[in-house]
PDB file of all heavy atoms in Angstrom:
ATOM      1  N   ASP A   1      -6.531  -9.684   1.852  1.00  0.00           N
ATOM      2  CA  ASP A   1      -5.432  -9.871   2.826  1.00  0.00           C
ATOM      3  C   ASP A   1      -4.215  -9.066   2.405  1.00  0.00           C
ATOM      4  O   ASP A   1      -3.140  -9.303   2.930  1.00  0.00           O
ATOM      5  CB  ASP A   1      -5.071 -11.356   2.871  1.00  0.00           C
ATOM      6  CG  ASP A   1      -4.591 -11.998   1.553  1.00  0.00           C
ATOM      7  OD1 ASP A   1      -4.735 -11.324   0.569  1.00  0.00           O
ATOM      8  OD2 ASP A   1      -4.180 -13.148   1.641  1.00  0.00           O
ATOM      9  N   GLY A   2      -4.417  -8.005   1.585  1.00  0.00           N
ATOM     10  CA  GLY A   2      -3.412  -7.015   1.375  1.00  0.00           C
ATOM     11  C   GLY A   2      -2.415  -7.277   0.264  1.00  0.00           C
ATOM     12  O   GLY A   2      -1.476  -6.473   0.009  1.00  0.00           O
ATOM     13  N   ARG A   3      -2.696  -8.330  -0.558  1.00  0.00           N
ATOM     14  CA  ARG A   3      -1.819  -8.444  -1.732  1.00  0.00           C
ATOM     15  C   ARG A   3      -2.240  -7.560  -2.851  1.00  0.00           C
ATOM     16  O   ARG A   3      -3.344  -7.278  -3.047  1.00  0.00           O
ATOM     17  CB  ARG A   3      -1.953  -9.960  -2.283  1.00  0.00           C
ATOM     18  CG  ARG A   3      -1.275 -10.918  -1.312  1.00  0.00           C
ATOM     19  CD  ARG A   3      -1.584 -12.376  -1.776  1.00  0.00           C
ATOM     20  NE  ARG A   3      -2.936 -12.726  -1.620  1.00  0.00           N
ATOM     21  CZ  ARG A   3      -3.668 -13.530  -2.346  1.00  0.00           C
ATOM     22  NH1 ARG A   3      -3.094 -14.131  -3.406  1.00  0.00           N
ATOM     23  NH2 ARG A   3      -5.003 -13.773  -2.103  1.00  0.00           N
ATOM     24  N   THR A   4      -1.332  -6.965  -3.596  1.00  0.00           N
ATOM     25  CA  THR A   4      -1.580  -5.971  -4.601  1.00  0.00           C
ATOM     26  C   THR A   4      -1.136  -6.445  -5.989  1.00  0.00           C
ATOM     27  O   THR A   4      -0.211  -7.212  -6.083  1.00  0.00           O
ATOM     28  CB  THR A   4      -0.835  -4.640  -4.226  1.00  0.00           C
ATOM     29  OG1 THR A   4       0.541  -4.986  -4.094  1.00  0.00           O
ATOM     30  CG2 THR A   4      -1.397  -4.079  -3.019  1.00  0.00           C
ATOM     31  N   PHE A   5      -1.852  -5.915  -6.945  1.00  0.00           N
ATOM     32  CA  PHE A   5      -1.556  -6.202  -8.340  1.00  0.00           C
ATOM     33  C   PHE A   5      -1.692  -4.855  -9.144  1.00  0.00           C
ATOM     34  O   PHE A   5      -2.624  -4.139  -8.876  1.00  0.00           O
ATOM     35  CB  PHE A   5      -2.641  -7.192  -8.939  1.00  0.00           C
ATOM     36  CG  PHE A   5      -2.576  -8.529  -8.224  1.00  0.00           C
ATOM     37  CD1 PHE A   5      -3.417  -8.662  -7.054  1.00  0.00           C
ATOM     38  CD2 PHE A   5      -1.857  -9.560  -8.504  1.00  0.00           C
ATOM     39  CE1 PHE A   5      -3.424  -9.837  -6.388  1.00  0.00           C
ATOM     40  CE2 PHE A   5      -1.840 -10.740  -7.893  1.00  0.00           C
ATOM     41  CZ  PHE A   5      -2.663 -10.971  -6.748  1.00  0.00           C
ATOM     42  N   TYR A   6      -0.755  -4.684 -10.007  1.00  0.00           N
ATOM     43  CA  TYR A   6      -0.686  -3.335 -10.716  1.00  0.00           C
ATOM     44  C   TYR A   6      -0.604  -3.556 -12.222  1.00  0.00           C
ATOM     45  O   TYR A   6       0.061  -4.527 -12.708  1.00  0.00           O
ATOM     46  CB  TYR A   6       0.545  -2.505 -10.309  1.00  0.00           C
ATOM     47  CG  TYR A   6       0.508  -2.242  -8.796  1.00  0.00           C
ATOM     48  CD1 TYR A   6       1.281  -3.045  -7.959  1.00  0.00           C
ATOM     49  CD2 TYR A   6      -0.195  -1.180  -8.266  1.00  0.00           C
ATOM     50  CE1 TYR A   6       1.320  -2.825  -6.572  1.00  0.00           C
ATOM     51  CE2 TYR A   6      -0.102  -0.896  -6.959  1.00  0.00           C
ATOM     52  CZ  TYR A   6       0.553  -1.733  -6.014  1.00  0.00           C
ATOM     53  OH  TYR A   6       0.635  -1.532  -4.759  1.00  0.00           O
ATOM     54  N   GLU A   7      -1.193  -2.619 -12.891  1.00  0.00           N
ATOM     55  CA  GLU A   7      -0.924  -2.552 -14.350  1.00  0.00           C
ATOM     56  C   GLU A   7       0.487  -2.069 -14.626  1.00  0.00           C
ATOM     57  O   GLU A   7       1.099  -1.432 -13.682  1.00  0.00           O
ATOM     58  CB  GLU A   7      -1.911  -1.580 -15.044  1.00  0.00           C
ATOM     59  CG  GLU A   7      -3.303  -2.141 -15.021  1.00  0.00           C
ATOM     60  CD  GLU A   7      -3.462  -3.465 -15.786  1.00  0.00           C
ATOM     61  OE1 GLU A   7      -3.087  -3.456 -16.995  1.00  0.00           O
ATOM     62  OE2 GLU A   7      -3.964  -4.458 -15.248  1.00  0.00           O
ATOM     63  N   ASP A   8       1.091  -2.229 -15.758  1.00  0.00           N
ATOM     64  CA  ASP A   8       2.488  -1.864 -15.995  1.00  0.00           C
ATOM     65  C   ASP A   8       2.822  -0.435 -15.809  1.00  0.00           C
ATOM     66  O   ASP A   8       3.876  -0.200 -15.246  1.00  0.00           O
ATOM     67  CB  ASP A   8       2.819  -2.331 -17.422  1.00  0.00           C
ATOM     68  CG  ASP A   8       2.970  -3.874 -17.651  1.00  0.00           C
ATOM     69  OD1 ASP A   8       3.088  -4.617 -16.628  1.00  0.00           O
ATOM     70  OD2 ASP A   8       2.937  -4.331 -18.742  1.00  0.00           O
ATOM     71  N   PHE A   9       1.928   0.385 -16.165  1.00  0.00           N
ATOM     72  CA  PHE A   9       2.241   1.828 -16.057  1.00  0.00           C
ATOM     73  C   PHE A   9       2.428   2.320 -14.616  1.00  0.00           C
ATOM     74  O   PHE A   9       2.976   3.288 -14.310  1.00  0.00           O
ATOM     75  CB  PHE A   9       1.155   2.693 -16.723  1.00  0.00           C
ATOM     76  CG  PHE A   9      -0.175   2.791 -16.070  1.00  0.00           C
ATOM     77  CD1 PHE A   9      -0.298   3.738 -15.050  1.00  0.00           C
ATOM     78  CD2 PHE A   9      -1.134   1.967 -16.370  1.00  0.00           C
ATOM     79  CE1 PHE A   9      -1.555   3.821 -14.394  1.00  0.00           C
ATOM     80  CE2 PHE A   9      -2.375   1.968 -15.679  1.00  0.00           C
ATOM     81  CZ  PHE A   9      -2.589   2.932 -14.772  1.00  0.00           C
ATOM     82  N   ALA A  10       1.837   1.501 -13.647  1.00  0.00           N
ATOM     83  CA  ALA A  10       1.837   1.834 -12.287  1.00  0.00           C
ATOM     84  C   ALA A  10       2.936   1.165 -11.438  1.00  0.00           C
ATOM     85  O   ALA A  10       3.273   1.647 -10.409  1.00  0.00           O
ATOM     86  CB  ALA A  10       0.478   1.528 -11.643  1.00  0.00           C
ATOM     87  N   LYS A  11       3.513   0.102 -11.964  1.00  0.00           N
ATOM     88  CA  LYS A  11       4.527  -0.570 -11.251  1.00  0.00           C
ATOM     89  C   LYS A  11       5.774   0.193 -11.017  1.00  0.00           C
ATOM     90  O   LYS A  11       6.218   0.898 -11.893  1.00  0.00           O
ATOM     91  CB  LYS A  11       4.926  -1.857 -12.159  1.00  0.00           C
ATOM     92  CG  LYS A  11       3.796  -2.944 -12.179  1.00  0.00           C
ATOM     93  CD  LYS A  11       4.272  -4.101 -13.029  1.00  0.00           C
ATOM     94  CE  LYS A  11       3.144  -5.118 -13.127  1.00  0.00           C
ATOM     95  NZ  LYS A  11       3.586  -6.308 -13.947  1.00  0.00           N
ATOM     96  N   GLY A  12       6.155   0.188  -9.708  1.00  0.00           N
ATOM     97  CA  GLY A  12       7.311   0.934  -9.314  1.00  0.00           C
ATOM     98  C   GLY A  12       7.055   2.411  -8.936  1.00  0.00           C
ATOM     99  O   GLY A  12       7.936   3.013  -8.390  1.00  0.00           O
ATOM    100  N   ARG A  13       5.907   2.851  -9.290  1.00  0.00           N
ATOM    101  CA  ARG A  13       5.571   4.278  -9.050  1.00  0.00           C
ATOM    102  C   ARG A  13       4.405   4.389  -8.101  1.00  0.00           C
ATOM    103  O   ARG A  13       4.332   5.268  -7.220  1.00  0.00           O
ATOM    104  CB  ARG A  13       5.194   5.030 -10.334  1.00  0.00           C
ATOM    105  CG  ARG A  13       6.389   5.191 -11.199  1.00  0.00           C
ATOM    106  CD  ARG A  13       6.126   6.205 -12.253  1.00  0.00           C
ATOM    107  NE  ARG A  13       4.920   5.876 -13.053  1.00  0.00           N
ATOM    108  CZ  ARG A  13       3.913   6.799 -13.351  1.00  0.00           C
ATOM    109  NH1 ARG A  13       3.891   7.919 -12.807  1.00  0.00           N
ATOM    110  NH2 ARG A  13       2.861   6.382 -14.017  1.00  0.00           N
ATOM    111  N   PHE A  14       3.337   3.532  -8.225  1.00  0.00           N
ATOM    112  CA  PHE A  14       2.196   3.566  -7.400  1.00  0.00           C
ATOM    113  C   PHE A  14       2.109   2.463  -6.386  1.00  0.00           C
ATOM    114  O   PHE A  14       2.586   1.297  -6.657  1.00  0.00           O
ATOM    115  CB  PHE A  14       0.910   3.502  -8.326  1.00  0.00           C
ATOM    116  CG  PHE A  14       0.722   4.625  -9.278  1.00  0.00           C
ATOM    117  CD1 PHE A  14       1.656   5.742  -9.292  1.00  0.00           C
ATOM    118  CD2 PHE A  14      -0.380   4.688 -10.101  1.00  0.00           C
ATOM    119  CE1 PHE A  14       1.431   6.790 -10.182  1.00  0.00           C
ATOM    120  CE2 PHE A  14      -0.481   5.805 -10.947  1.00  0.00           C
ATOM    121  CZ  PHE A  14       0.419   6.774 -10.990  1.00  0.00           C
ATOM    122  N   THR A  15       1.467   2.688  -5.223  1.00  0.00           N
ATOM    123  CA  THR A  15       1.320   1.688  -4.269  1.00  0.00           C
ATOM    124  C   THR A  15      -0.042   1.764  -3.625  1.00  0.00           C
ATOM    125  O   THR A  15      -0.494   2.799  -3.267  1.00  0.00           O
ATOM    126  CB  THR A  15       2.369   1.839  -3.054  1.00  0.00           C
ATOM    127  OG1 THR A  15       3.681   1.817  -3.628  1.00  0.00           O
ATOM    128  CG2 THR A  15       2.168   0.732  -2.046  1.00  0.00           C
ATOM    129  N   ILE A  16      -0.726   0.643  -3.648  1.00  0.00           N
ATOM    130  CA  ILE A  16      -2.065   0.514  -2.972  1.00  0.00           C
ATOM    131  C   ILE A  16      -2.035  -0.131  -1.624  1.00  0.00           C
ATOM    132  O   ILE A  16      -1.284  -1.134  -1.535  1.00  0.00           O
ATOM    133  CB  ILE A  16      -3.017  -0.267  -3.923  1.00  0.00           C
ATOM    134  CG1 ILE A  16      -3.245   0.390  -5.246  1.00  0.00           C
ATOM    135  CG2 ILE A  16      -4.424  -0.426  -3.304  1.00  0.00           C
ATOM    136  CD1 ILE A  16      -3.999  -0.450  -6.275  1.00  0.00           C
ATOM    137  N   SER A  17      -2.664   0.405  -0.679  1.00  0.00           N
ATOM    138  CA  SER A  17      -2.789  -0.126   0.637  1.00  0.00           C
ATOM    139  C   SER A  17      -4.147  -0.083   1.205  1.00  0.00           C
ATOM    140  O   SER A  17      -4.972   0.699   0.617  1.00  0.00           O
ATOM    141  CB  SER A  17      -1.778   0.609   1.591  1.00  0.00           C
ATOM    142  OG  SER A  17      -2.120   1.964   1.709  1.00  0.00           O
ATOM    143  N   ARG A  18      -4.396  -0.796   2.224  1.00  0.00           N
ATOM    144  CA  ARG A  18      -5.785  -0.666   2.896  1.00  0.00           C
ATOM    145  C   ARG A  18      -5.610  -0.763   4.422  1.00  0.00           C
ATOM    146  O   ARG A  18      -4.758  -1.416   4.875  1.00  0.00           O
ATOM    147  CB  ARG A  18      -6.753  -1.720   2.274  1.00  0.00           C
ATOM    148  CG  ARG A  18      -6.350  -3.198   2.749  1.00  0.00           C
ATOM    149  CD  ARG A  18      -7.173  -4.214   1.958  1.00  0.00           C
ATOM    150  NE  ARG A  18      -8.578  -4.038   2.351  1.00  0.00           N
ATOM    151  CZ  ARG A  18      -9.587  -4.635   1.569  1.00  0.00           C
ATOM    152  NH1 ARG A  18      -9.365  -5.197   0.427  1.00  0.00           N
ATOM    153  NH2 ARG A  18     -10.858  -4.453   1.994  1.00  0.00           N
ATOM    154  N   ASP A  19      -6.611  -0.212   5.026  1.00  0.00           N
ATOM    155  CA  ASP A  19      -6.766  -0.217   6.486  1.00  0.00           C
ATOM    156  C   ASP A  19      -8.122  -0.691   6.804  1.00  0.00           C
ATOM    157  O   ASP A  19      -9.112   0.169   6.728  1.00  0.00           O
ATOM    158  CB  ASP A  19      -6.487   1.179   7.114  1.00  0.00           C
ATOM    159  CG  ASP A  19      -6.430   1.149   8.678  1.00  0.00           C
ATOM    160  OD1 ASP A  19      -7.075   0.288   9.247  1.00  0.00           O
ATOM    161  OD2 ASP A  19      -5.721   1.975   9.243  1.00  0.00           O
ATOM    162  N   ASN A  20      -8.283  -1.904   7.100  1.00  0.00           N
ATOM    163  CA  ASN A  20      -9.602  -2.532   7.268  1.00  0.00           C
ATOM    164  C   ASN A  20     -10.299  -1.985   8.528  1.00  0.00           C
ATOM    165  O   ASN A  20     -11.591  -1.870   8.502  1.00  0.00           O
ATOM    166  CB  ASN A  20      -9.531  -4.059   7.404  1.00  0.00           C
ATOM    167  CG  ASN A  20      -9.202  -4.709   6.035  1.00  0.00           C
ATOM    168  OD1 ASN A  20      -9.504  -4.112   5.044  1.00  0.00           O
ATOM    169  ND2 ASN A  20      -8.666  -5.940   6.103  1.00  0.00           N
ATOM    170  N   ALA A  21      -9.547  -1.700   9.540  1.00  0.00           N
ATOM    171  CA  ALA A  21     -10.086  -1.051  10.766  1.00  0.00           C
ATOM    172  C   ALA A  21     -10.823   0.232  10.505  1.00  0.00           C
ATOM    173  O   ALA A  21     -11.875   0.643  11.040  1.00  0.00           O
ATOM    174  CB  ALA A  21      -9.171  -0.982  11.862  1.00  0.00           C
ATOM    175  N   LYS A  22     -10.166   1.071   9.589  1.00  0.00           N
ATOM    176  CA  LYS A  22     -10.737   2.382   9.199  1.00  0.00           C
ATOM    177  C   LYS A  22     -11.631   2.316   7.932  1.00  0.00           C
ATOM    178  O   LYS A  22     -12.238   3.355   7.583  1.00  0.00           O
ATOM    179  CB  LYS A  22      -9.605   3.369   8.930  1.00  0.00           C
ATOM    180  CG  LYS A  22      -8.699   3.576  10.191  1.00  0.00           C
ATOM    181  CD  LYS A  22      -7.627   4.616   9.828  1.00  0.00           C
ATOM    182  CE  LYS A  22      -6.822   4.952  10.993  1.00  0.00           C
ATOM    183  NZ  LYS A  22      -5.668   5.816  10.704  1.00  0.00           N
ATOM    184  N   LYS A  23     -11.736   1.139   7.328  1.00  0.00           N
ATOM    185  CA  LYS A  23     -12.439   0.979   6.074  1.00  0.00           C
ATOM    186  C   LYS A  23     -12.021   1.976   5.002  1.00  0.00           C
ATOM    187  O   LYS A  23     -12.845   2.650   4.437  1.00  0.00           O
ATOM    188  CB  LYS A  23     -13.943   1.161   6.297  1.00  0.00           C
ATOM    189  CG  LYS A  23     -14.562   0.139   7.276  1.00  0.00           C
ATOM    190  CD  LYS A  23     -16.071   0.396   7.477  1.00  0.00           C
ATOM    191  CE  LYS A  23     -16.641  -0.677   8.434  1.00  0.00           C
ATOM    192  NZ  LYS A  23     -18.083  -0.438   8.590  1.00  0.00           N
ATOM    193  N   MET A  24     -10.683   2.038   4.873  1.00  0.00           N
ATOM    194  CA  MET A  24     -10.042   2.920   3.918  1.00  0.00           C
ATOM    195  C   MET A  24      -9.127   2.163   2.962  1.00  0.00           C
ATOM    196  O   MET A  24      -8.496   1.197   3.345  1.00  0.00           O
ATOM    197  CB  MET A  24      -9.249   3.976   4.671  1.00  0.00           C
ATOM    198  CG  MET A  24     -10.018   4.910   5.583  1.00  0.00           C
ATOM    199  SD  MET A  24     -11.004   6.143   4.606  1.00  0.00           S
ATOM    200  CE  MET A  24      -9.642   7.185   4.065  1.00  0.00           C
ATOM    201  N   VAL A  25      -8.947   2.613   1.763  1.00  0.00           N
ATOM    202  CA  VAL A  25      -7.964   2.130   0.865  1.00  0.00           C
ATOM    203  C   VAL A  25      -7.283   3.355   0.326  1.00  0.00           C
ATOM    204  O   VAL A  25      -7.903   4.450   0.010  1.00  0.00           O
ATOM    205  CB  VAL A  25      -8.687   1.331  -0.294  1.00  0.00           C
ATOM    206  CG1 VAL A  25      -9.633   2.110  -1.121  1.00  0.00           C
ATOM    207  CG2 VAL A  25      -7.549   0.675  -1.248  1.00  0.00           C
ATOM    208  N   TYR A  26      -6.012   3.206   0.050  1.00  0.00           N
ATOM    209  CA  TYR A  26      -5.187   4.288  -0.424  1.00  0.00           C
ATOM    210  C   TYR A  26      -4.395   4.064  -1.766  1.00  0.00           C
ATOM    211  O   TYR A  26      -4.118   2.891  -2.020  1.00  0.00           O
ATOM    212  CB  TYR A  26      -4.111   4.697   0.672  1.00  0.00           C
ATOM    213  CG  TYR A  26      -4.761   4.880   1.965  1.00  0.00           C
ATOM    214  CD1 TYR A  26      -4.752   3.899   2.955  1.00  0.00           C
ATOM    215  CD2 TYR A  26      -5.313   6.123   2.416  1.00  0.00           C
ATOM    216  CE1 TYR A  26      -5.264   4.034   4.221  1.00  0.00           C
ATOM    217  CE2 TYR A  26      -5.856   6.286   3.638  1.00  0.00           C
ATOM    218  CZ  TYR A  26      -5.863   5.262   4.554  1.00  0.00           C
ATOM    219  OH  TYR A  26      -6.456   5.503   5.825  1.00  0.00           O
ATOM    220  N   LEU A  27      -4.085   5.165  -2.460  1.00  0.00           N
ATOM    221  CA  LEU A  27      -3.216   5.041  -3.617  1.00  0.00           C
ATOM    222  C   LEU A  27      -2.167   6.039  -3.463  1.00  0.00           C
ATOM    223  O   LEU A  27      -2.464   7.244  -3.586  1.00  0.00           O
ATOM    224  CB  LEU A  27      -4.095   5.255  -4.837  1.00  0.00           C
ATOM    225  CG  LEU A  27      -3.296   5.274  -6.221  1.00  0.00           C
ATOM    226  CD1 LEU A  27      -2.611   3.883  -6.499  1.00  0.00           C
ATOM    227  CD2 LEU A  27      -4.180   5.707  -7.329  1.00  0.00           C
ATOM    228  N   GLN A  28      -0.938   5.572  -3.151  1.00  0.00           N
ATOM    229  CA  GLN A  28       0.242   6.456  -3.132  1.00  0.00           C
ATOM    230  C   GLN A  28       0.843   6.515  -4.544  1.00  0.00           C
ATOM    231  O   GLN A  28       1.232   5.535  -5.106  1.00  0.00           O
ATOM    232  CB  GLN A  28       1.229   5.907  -2.141  1.00  0.00           C
ATOM    233  CG  GLN A  28       2.511   6.766  -2.031  1.00  0.00           C
ATOM    234  CD  GLN A  28       2.298   8.122  -1.434  1.00  0.00           C
ATOM    235  OE1 GLN A  28       1.651   8.263  -0.460  1.00  0.00           O
ATOM    236  NE2 GLN A  28       2.876   9.098  -2.072  1.00  0.00           N
ATOM    237  N   MET A  29       0.910   7.773  -5.052  1.00  0.00           N
ATOM    238  CA  MET A  29       1.437   7.966  -6.406  1.00  0.00           C
ATOM    239  C   MET A  29       2.784   8.739  -6.373  1.00  0.00           C
ATOM    240  O   MET A  29       2.780   9.890  -5.783  1.00  0.00           O
ATOM    241  CB  MET A  29       0.387   8.658  -7.252  1.00  0.00           C
ATOM    242  CG  MET A  29      -0.879   7.888  -7.353  1.00  0.00           C
ATOM    243  SD  MET A  29      -2.041   8.708  -8.550  1.00  0.00           S
ATOM    244  CE  MET A  29      -2.383  10.180  -7.629  1.00  0.00           C
ATOM    245  N   ASN A  30       3.866   8.222  -6.805  1.00  0.00           N
ATOM    246  CA  ASN A  30       5.129   8.911  -6.794  1.00  0.00           C
ATOM    247  C   ASN A  30       5.615   9.038  -8.255  1.00  0.00           C
ATOM    248  O   ASN A  30       5.160   8.373  -9.134  1.00  0.00           O
ATOM    249  CB  ASN A  30       6.119   8.130  -6.037  1.00  0.00           C
ATOM    250  CG  ASN A  30       5.748   7.887  -4.603  1.00  0.00           C
ATOM    251  OD1 ASN A  30       5.215   8.901  -3.991  1.00  0.00           O
ATOM    252  ND2 ASN A  30       6.146   6.784  -4.012  1.00  0.00           N
ATOM    253  N   SER A  31       6.595   9.908  -8.456  1.00  0.00           N
ATOM    254  CA  SER A  31       7.202  10.155  -9.798  1.00  0.00           C
ATOM    255  C   SER A  31       6.179  10.407 -10.844  1.00  0.00           C
ATOM    256  O   SER A  31       6.128   9.854 -11.907  1.00  0.00           O
ATOM    257  CB  SER A  31       8.105   8.954 -10.202  1.00  0.00           C
ATOM    258  OG  SER A  31       9.126   8.679  -9.157  1.00  0.00           O
ATOM    259  N   LEU A  32       5.170  11.301 -10.476  1.00  0.00           N
ATOM    260  CA  LEU A  32       4.148  11.604 -11.447  1.00  0.00           C
ATOM    261  C   LEU A  32       4.526  12.346 -12.672  1.00  0.00           C
ATOM    262  O   LEU A  32       5.504  13.069 -12.661  1.00  0.00           O
ATOM    263  CB  LEU A  32       3.072  12.393 -10.685  1.00  0.00           C
ATOM    264  CG  LEU A  32       2.232  11.637  -9.539  1.00  0.00           C
ATOM    265  CD1 LEU A  32       1.620  12.615  -8.580  1.00  0.00           C
ATOM    266  CD2 LEU A  32       1.296  10.734 -10.210  1.00  0.00           C
ATOM    267  N   VAL A  33       3.883  11.972 -13.721  1.00  0.00           N
ATOM    268  CA  VAL A  33       4.131  12.645 -14.984  1.00  0.00           C
ATOM    269  C   VAL A  33       2.876  13.082 -15.688  1.00  0.00           C
ATOM    270  O   VAL A  33       1.773  12.731 -15.198  1.00  0.00           O
ATOM    271  CB  VAL A  33       4.758  11.562 -16.013  1.00  0.00           C
ATOM    272  CG1 VAL A  33       6.098  11.103 -15.537  1.00  0.00           C
ATOM    273  CG2 VAL A  33       3.846  10.330 -16.134  1.00  0.00           C
ATOM    274  N   PRO A  34       2.930  14.046 -16.540  1.00  0.00           N
ATOM    275  CA  PRO A  34       1.714  14.632 -17.098  1.00  0.00           C
ATOM    276  C   PRO A  34       0.631  13.604 -17.561  1.00  0.00           C
ATOM    277  O   PRO A  34      -0.540  13.912 -17.568  1.00  0.00           O
ATOM    278  CB  PRO A  34       2.234  15.546 -18.177  1.00  0.00           C
ATOM    279  CG  PRO A  34       3.558  15.955 -17.773  1.00  0.00           C
ATOM    280  CD  PRO A  34       4.104  14.770 -17.068  1.00  0.00           C
ATOM    281  N   GLU A  35       1.196  12.532 -18.058  1.00  0.00           N
ATOM    282  CA  GLU A  35       0.242  11.435 -18.587  1.00  0.00           C
ATOM    283  C   GLU A  35      -0.636  10.820 -17.500  1.00  0.00           C
ATOM    284  O   GLU A  35      -1.585  10.259 -17.774  1.00  0.00           O
ATOM    285  CB  GLU A  35       1.023  10.340 -19.285  1.00  0.00           C
ATOM    286  CG  GLU A  35       1.666  10.733 -20.628  1.00  0.00           C
ATOM    287  CD  GLU A  35       2.917  11.719 -20.448  1.00  0.00           C
ATOM    288  OE1 GLU A  35       3.460  11.710 -19.360  1.00  0.00           O
ATOM    289  OE2 GLU A  35       3.156  12.407 -21.402  1.00  0.00           O
ATOM    290  N   ASP A  36      -0.277  11.078 -16.243  1.00  0.00           N
ATOM    291  CA  ASP A  36      -1.174  10.593 -15.138  1.00  0.00           C
ATOM    292  C   ASP A  36      -2.227  11.455 -14.880  1.00  0.00           C
ATOM    293  O   ASP A  36      -3.103  11.177 -14.017  1.00  0.00           O
ATOM    294  CB  ASP A  36      -0.269  10.485 -13.874  1.00  0.00           C
ATOM    295  CG  ASP A  36       0.861   9.519 -13.920  1.00  0.00           C
ATOM    296  OD1 ASP A  36       0.614   8.396 -14.531  1.00  0.00           O
ATOM    297  OD2 ASP A  36       1.982   9.742 -13.475  1.00  0.00           O
ATOM    298  N   THR A  37      -2.425  12.651 -15.536  1.00  0.00           N
ATOM    299  CA  THR A  37      -3.516  13.526 -15.345  1.00  0.00           C
ATOM    300  C   THR A  37      -4.841  12.927 -15.835  1.00  0.00           C
ATOM    301  O   THR A  37      -4.963  12.609 -16.947  1.00  0.00           O
ATOM    302  CB  THR A  37      -3.202  14.853 -16.180  1.00  0.00           C
ATOM    303  OG1 THR A  37      -2.070  15.482 -15.665  1.00  0.00           O
ATOM    304  CG2 THR A  37      -4.400  15.765 -16.037  1.00  0.00           C
ATOM    305  N   THR A  38      -5.695  12.793 -14.907  1.00  0.00           N
ATOM    306  CA  THR A  38      -7.022  12.225 -15.124  1.00  0.00           C
ATOM    307  C   THR A  38      -7.786  12.069 -13.832  1.00  0.00           C
ATOM    308  O   THR A  38      -7.333  12.463 -12.740  1.00  0.00           O
ATOM    309  CB  THR A  38      -6.863  10.887 -15.825  1.00  0.00           C
ATOM    310  OG1 THR A  38      -8.241  10.515 -16.320  1.00  0.00           O
ATOM    311  CG2 THR A  38      -6.368   9.852 -14.884  1.00  0.00           C
ATOM    312  N   LYS A  39      -9.062  11.607 -13.900  1.00  0.00           N
ATOM    313  CA  LYS A  39      -9.817  11.350 -12.797  1.00  0.00           C
ATOM    314  C   LYS A  39      -9.591   9.950 -12.210  1.00  0.00           C
ATOM    315  O   LYS A  39      -9.525   8.996 -13.049  1.00  0.00           O
ATOM    316  CB  LYS A  39     -11.307  11.543 -13.076  1.00  0.00           C
ATOM    317  CG  LYS A  39     -12.221  11.398 -11.857  1.00  0.00           C
ATOM    318  CD  LYS A  39     -13.633  11.763 -12.180  1.00  0.00           C
ATOM    319  CE  LYS A  39     -14.259  10.901 -13.234  1.00  0.00           C
ATOM    320  NZ  LYS A  39     -15.687  11.159 -13.509  1.00  0.00           N
ATOM    321  N   TYR A  40      -9.320   9.827 -10.991  1.00  0.00           N
ATOM    322  CA  TYR A  40      -9.145   8.470 -10.311  1.00  0.00           C
ATOM    323  C   TYR A  40     -10.289   8.039  -9.565  1.00  0.00           C
ATOM    324  O   TYR A  40     -10.842   8.846  -8.693  1.00  0.00           O
ATOM    325  CB  TYR A  40      -7.831   8.554  -9.495  1.00  0.00           C
ATOM    326  CG  TYR A  40      -6.538   8.648 -10.288  1.00  0.00           C
ATOM    327  CD1 TYR A  40      -6.220   9.862 -10.891  1.00  0.00           C
ATOM    328  CD2 TYR A  40      -5.800   7.506 -10.404  1.00  0.00           C
ATOM    329  CE1 TYR A  40      -5.102   9.901 -11.724  1.00  0.00           C
ATOM    330  CE2 TYR A  40      -4.619   7.593 -11.235  1.00  0.00           C
ATOM    331  CZ  TYR A  40      -4.251   8.825 -11.863  1.00  0.00           C
ATOM    332  OH  TYR A  40      -3.131   8.827 -12.658  1.00  0.00           O
TER     333      TYR A  40
END
């Protein structure tokens, strides 16, 4: 039903959302730092 939970490193910077009609989920990432470099 769209409630989100985040690990500490993601709080305030990352946002997860979903569109059930499109069968899609998204991860919006802001204020990125080099430590975010990896495979998602």
